[in-house]
Amino acid sequence: MNLSEEVDLEDYVARPDKISGADINSICQESGMLAVRENRYIV
């Protein structure tokens, strides 16, 4: 799977509420699973 050009990971890192690496990992895994369920190749 590929990451959509619309997604800016720097935006998540620069957030004032400072999400953790584990949070980013979880977001990526959930997004990937949703894409697989919907037969998409771009997250």
PDB file of N, CA and C in Angstrom:
ATOM      1  N   MET A   1       0.829  -1.175   0.000  1.00  0.00           N
ATOM      2  CA  MET A   1       0.000   0.000   0.000  1.00  0.00           C
ATOM      3  C   MET A   1       0.875   1.240   0.000  1.00  0.00           C
ATOM      4  N   ASN A   2       0.333   2.280  -0.539  1.00  0.00           N
ATOM      5  CA  ASN A   2       1.031   3.560  -0.595  1.00  0.00           C
ATOM      6  C   ASN A   2       0.291   4.584   0.246  1.00  0.00           C
ATOM      7  N   LEU A   3       1.021   5.560   0.727  1.00  0.00           N
ATOM      8  CA  LEU A   3       0.445   6.645   1.501  1.00  0.00           C
ATOM      9  C   LEU A   3       0.008   7.742   0.547  1.00  0.00           C
ATOM     10  N   SER A   4      -1.218   8.200   0.702  1.00  0.00           N
ATOM     11  CA  SER A   4      -1.742   9.257  -0.146  1.00  0.00           C
ATOM     12  C   SER A   4      -0.900  10.519  -0.015  1.00  0.00           C
ATOM     13  N   GLU A   5      -0.787  11.259  -1.096  1.00  0.00           N
ATOM     14  CA  GLU A   5      -0.045  12.518  -1.065  1.00  0.00           C
ATOM     15  C   GLU A   5      -0.726  13.547  -0.173  1.00  0.00           C
ATOM     16  N   GLU A   6      -2.007  13.339   0.125  1.00  0.00           N
ATOM     17  CA  GLU A   6      -2.756  14.265   0.971  1.00  0.00           C
ATOM     18  C   GLU A   6      -2.367  14.147   2.443  1.00  0.00           C
ATOM     19  N   VAL A   7      -1.711  13.058   2.818  1.00  0.00           N
ATOM     20  CA  VAL A   7      -1.334  12.831   4.212  1.00  0.00           C
ATOM     21  C   VAL A   7       0.028  13.462   4.473  1.00  0.00           C
ATOM     22  N   ASP A   8       0.081  14.307   5.494  1.00  0.00           N
ATOM     23  CA  ASP A   8       1.336  14.964   5.873  1.00  0.00           C
ATOM     24  C   ASP A   8       1.696  14.528   7.291  1.00  0.00           C
ATOM     25  N   LEU A   9       2.633  13.587   7.395  1.00  0.00           N
ATOM     26  CA  LEU A   9       3.015  13.081   8.712  1.00  0.00           C
ATOM     27  C   LEU A   9       3.656  14.162   9.570  1.00  0.00           C
ATOM     28  N   GLU A  10       4.293  15.137   8.946  1.00  0.00           N
ATOM     29  CA  GLU A  10       4.887  16.242   9.707  1.00  0.00           C
ATOM     30  C   GLU A  10       3.808  17.011  10.461  1.00  0.00           C
ATOM     31  N   ASP A  11       2.617  17.073   9.895  1.00  0.00           N
ATOM     32  CA  ASP A  11       1.506  17.752  10.557  1.00  0.00           C
ATOM     33  C   ASP A  11       1.148  17.046  11.862  1.00  0.00           C
ATOM     34  N   TYR A  12       1.167  15.723  11.849  1.00  0.00           N
ATOM     35  CA  TYR A  12       0.871  14.970  13.072  1.00  0.00           C
ATOM     36  C   TYR A  12       1.961  15.163  14.120  1.00  0.00           C
ATOM     37  N   VAL A  13       3.198  15.207  13.685  1.00  0.00           N
ATOM     38  CA  VAL A  13       4.319  15.363  14.614  1.00  0.00           C
ATOM     39  C   VAL A  13       4.311  16.752  15.247  1.00  0.00           C
ATOM     40  N   ALA A  14       3.899  17.763  14.489  1.00  0.00           N
ATOM     41  CA  ALA A  14       3.924  19.144  14.965  1.00  0.00           C
ATOM     42  C   ALA A  14       2.691  19.533  15.778  1.00  0.00           C
ATOM     43  N   ARG A  15       1.771  18.622  15.967  1.00  0.00           N
ATOM     44  CA  ARG A  15       0.548  18.941  16.717  1.00  0.00           C
ATOM     45  C   ARG A  15       0.881  19.356  18.147  1.00  0.00           C
ATOM     46  N   PRO A  16       0.127  20.303  18.686  1.00  0.00           N
ATOM     47  CA  PRO A  16       0.406  20.755  20.057  1.00  0.00           C
ATOM     48  C   PRO A  16       0.113  19.696  21.117  1.00  0.00           C
ATOM     49  N   ASP A  17      -0.774  18.747  20.825  1.00  0.00           N
ATOM     50  CA  ASP A  17      -1.097  17.718  21.818  1.00  0.00           C
ATOM     51  C   ASP A  17      -0.113  16.552  21.787  1.00  0.00           C
ATOM     52  N   LYS A  18       0.869  16.606  20.874  1.00  0.00           N
ATOM     53  CA  LYS A  18       1.987  15.655  20.816  1.00  0.00           C
ATOM     54  C   LYS A  18       1.556  14.190  20.927  1.00  0.00           C
ATOM     55  N   ILE A  19       1.124  13.634  19.813  1.00  0.00           N
ATOM     56  CA  ILE A  19       0.797  12.214  19.819  1.00  0.00           C
ATOM     57  C   ILE A  19       2.087  11.406  19.818  1.00  0.00           C
ATOM     58  N   SER A  20       2.027  10.234  20.399  1.00  0.00           N
ATOM     59  CA  SER A  20       3.231   9.410  20.555  1.00  0.00           C
ATOM     60  C   SER A  20       3.496   8.578  19.301  1.00  0.00           C
ATOM     61  N   GLY A  21       4.659   7.983  19.263  1.00  0.00           N
ATOM     62  CA  GLY A  21       5.000   7.076  18.173  1.00  0.00           C
ATOM     63  C   GLY A  21       4.043   5.899  18.118  1.00  0.00           C
ATOM     64  N   ALA A  22       3.621   5.430  19.293  1.00  0.00           N
ATOM     65  CA  ALA A  22       2.658   4.328  19.357  1.00  0.00           C
ATOM     66  C   ALA A  22       1.316   4.753  18.767  1.00  0.00           C
ATOM     67  N   ASP A  23       0.921   6.008  18.997  1.00  0.00           N
ATOM     68  CA  ASP A  23      -0.322   6.517  18.416  1.00  0.00           C
ATOM     69  C   ASP A  23      -0.227   6.548  16.894  1.00  0.00           C
ATOM     70  N   ILE A  24       0.895   7.022  16.378  1.00  0.00           N
ATOM     71  CA  ILE A  24       1.096   7.077  14.924  1.00  0.00           C
ATOM     72  C   ILE A  24       1.083   5.672  14.342  1.00  0.00           C
ATOM     73  N   ASN A  25       1.723   4.734  15.022  1.00  0.00           N
ATOM     74  CA  ASN A  25       1.733   3.341  14.585  1.00  0.00           C
ATOM     75  C   ASN A  25       0.310   2.792  14.528  1.00  0.00           C
ATOM     76  N   SER A  26      -0.470   3.059  15.544  1.00  0.00           N
ATOM     77  CA  SER A  26      -1.850   2.578  15.597  1.00  0.00           C
ATOM     78  C   SER A  26      -2.689   3.178  14.470  1.00  0.00           C
ATOM     79  N   ILE A  27      -2.519   4.470  14.225  1.00  0.00           N
ATOM     80  CA  ILE A  27      -3.246   5.135  13.137  1.00  0.00           C
ATOM     81  C   ILE A  27      -2.898   4.487  11.799  1.00  0.00           C
ATOM     82  N   CYS A  28      -1.624   4.227  11.581  1.00  0.00           N
ATOM     83  CA  CYS A  28      -1.181   3.606  10.322  1.00  0.00           C
ATOM     84  C   CYS A  28      -1.734   2.199  10.162  1.00  0.00           C
ATOM     85  N   GLN A  29      -1.713   1.413  11.230  1.00  0.00           N
ATOM     86  CA  GLN A  29      -2.220   0.041  11.156  1.00  0.00           C
ATOM     87  C   GLN A  29      -3.721   0.020  10.890  1.00  0.00           C
ATOM     88  N   GLU A  30      -4.470   0.857  11.601  1.00  0.00           N
ATOM     89  CA  GLU A  30      -5.918   0.903  11.397  1.00  0.00           C
ATOM     90  C   GLU A  30      -6.258   1.386   9.989  1.00  0.00           C
ATOM     91  N   SER A  31      -5.530   2.379   9.496  1.00  0.00           N
ATOM     92  CA  SER A  31      -5.765   2.888   8.145  1.00  0.00           C
ATOM     93  C   SER A  31      -5.481   1.819   7.102  1.00  0.00           C
ATOM     94  N   GLY A  32      -4.410   1.073   7.315  1.00  0.00           N
ATOM     95  CA  GLY A  32      -4.063  -0.010   6.396  1.00  0.00           C
ATOM     96  C   GLY A  32      -5.113  -1.098   6.366  1.00  0.00           C
ATOM     97  N   MET A  33      -5.604  -1.475   7.540  1.00  0.00           N
ATOM     98  CA  MET A  33      -6.633  -2.518   7.606  1.00  0.00           C
ATOM     99  C   MET A  33      -7.922  -2.054   6.938  1.00  0.00           C
ATOM    100  N   LEU A  34      -8.290  -0.802   7.129  1.00  0.00           N
ATOM    101  CA  LEU A  34      -9.487  -0.268   6.483  1.00  0.00           C
ATOM    102  C   LEU A  34      -9.321  -0.271   4.966  1.00  0.00           C
ATOM    103  N   ALA A  35      -8.146   0.111   4.491  1.00  0.00           N
ATOM    104  CA  ALA A  35      -7.889   0.112   3.049  1.00  0.00           C
ATOM    105  C   ALA A  35      -7.991  -1.300   2.479  1.00  0.00           C
ATOM    106  N   VAL A  36      -7.460  -2.290   3.194  1.00  0.00           N
ATOM    107  CA  VAL A  36      -7.536  -3.683   2.740  1.00  0.00           C
ATOM    108  C   VAL A  36      -8.993  -4.128   2.655  1.00  0.00           C
ATOM    109  N   ARG A  37      -9.771  -3.792   3.666  1.00  0.00           N
ATOM    110  CA  ARG A  37     -11.192  -4.180   3.665  1.00  0.00           C
ATOM    111  C   ARG A  37     -11.943  -3.576   2.488  1.00  0.00           C
ATOM    112  N   GLU A  38     -11.520  -2.376   2.070  1.00  0.00           N
ATOM    113  CA  GLU A  38     -12.200  -1.685   0.974  1.00  0.00           C
ATOM    114  C   GLU A  38     -11.504  -1.903  -0.371  1.00  0.00           C
ATOM    115  N   ASN A  39     -10.558  -2.859  -0.411  1.00  0.00           N
ATOM    116  CA  ASN A  39      -9.822  -3.196  -1.639  1.00  0.00           C
ATOM    117  C   ASN A  39      -9.133  -1.988  -2.265  1.00  0.00           C
ATOM    118  N   ARG A  40      -8.558  -1.141  -1.420  1.00  0.00           N
ATOM    119  CA  ARG A  40      -7.817   0.019  -1.904  1.00  0.00           C
ATOM    120  C   ARG A  40      -6.326  -0.239  -1.750  1.00  0.00           C
ATOM    121  N   TYR A  41      -5.535   0.454  -2.532  1.00  0.00           N
ATOM    122  CA  TYR A  41      -4.084   0.307  -2.483  1.00  0.00           C
ATOM    123  C   TYR A  41      -3.396   1.550  -1.941  1.00  0.00           C
ATOM    124  N   ILE A  42      -4.175   2.594  -1.695  1.00  0.00           N
ATOM    125  CA  ILE A  42      -3.624   3.838  -1.156  1.00  0.00           C
ATOM    126  C   ILE A  42      -4.325   4.135   0.155  1.00  0.00           C
ATOM    127  N   VAL A  43      -3.521   4.439   1.169  1.00  0.00           N
ATOM    128  CA  VAL A  43      -4.071   4.755   2.491  1.00  0.00           C
ATOM    129  C   VAL A  43      -4.167   6.251   2.615  1.00  0.00           C
TER     130      VAL A  43
END
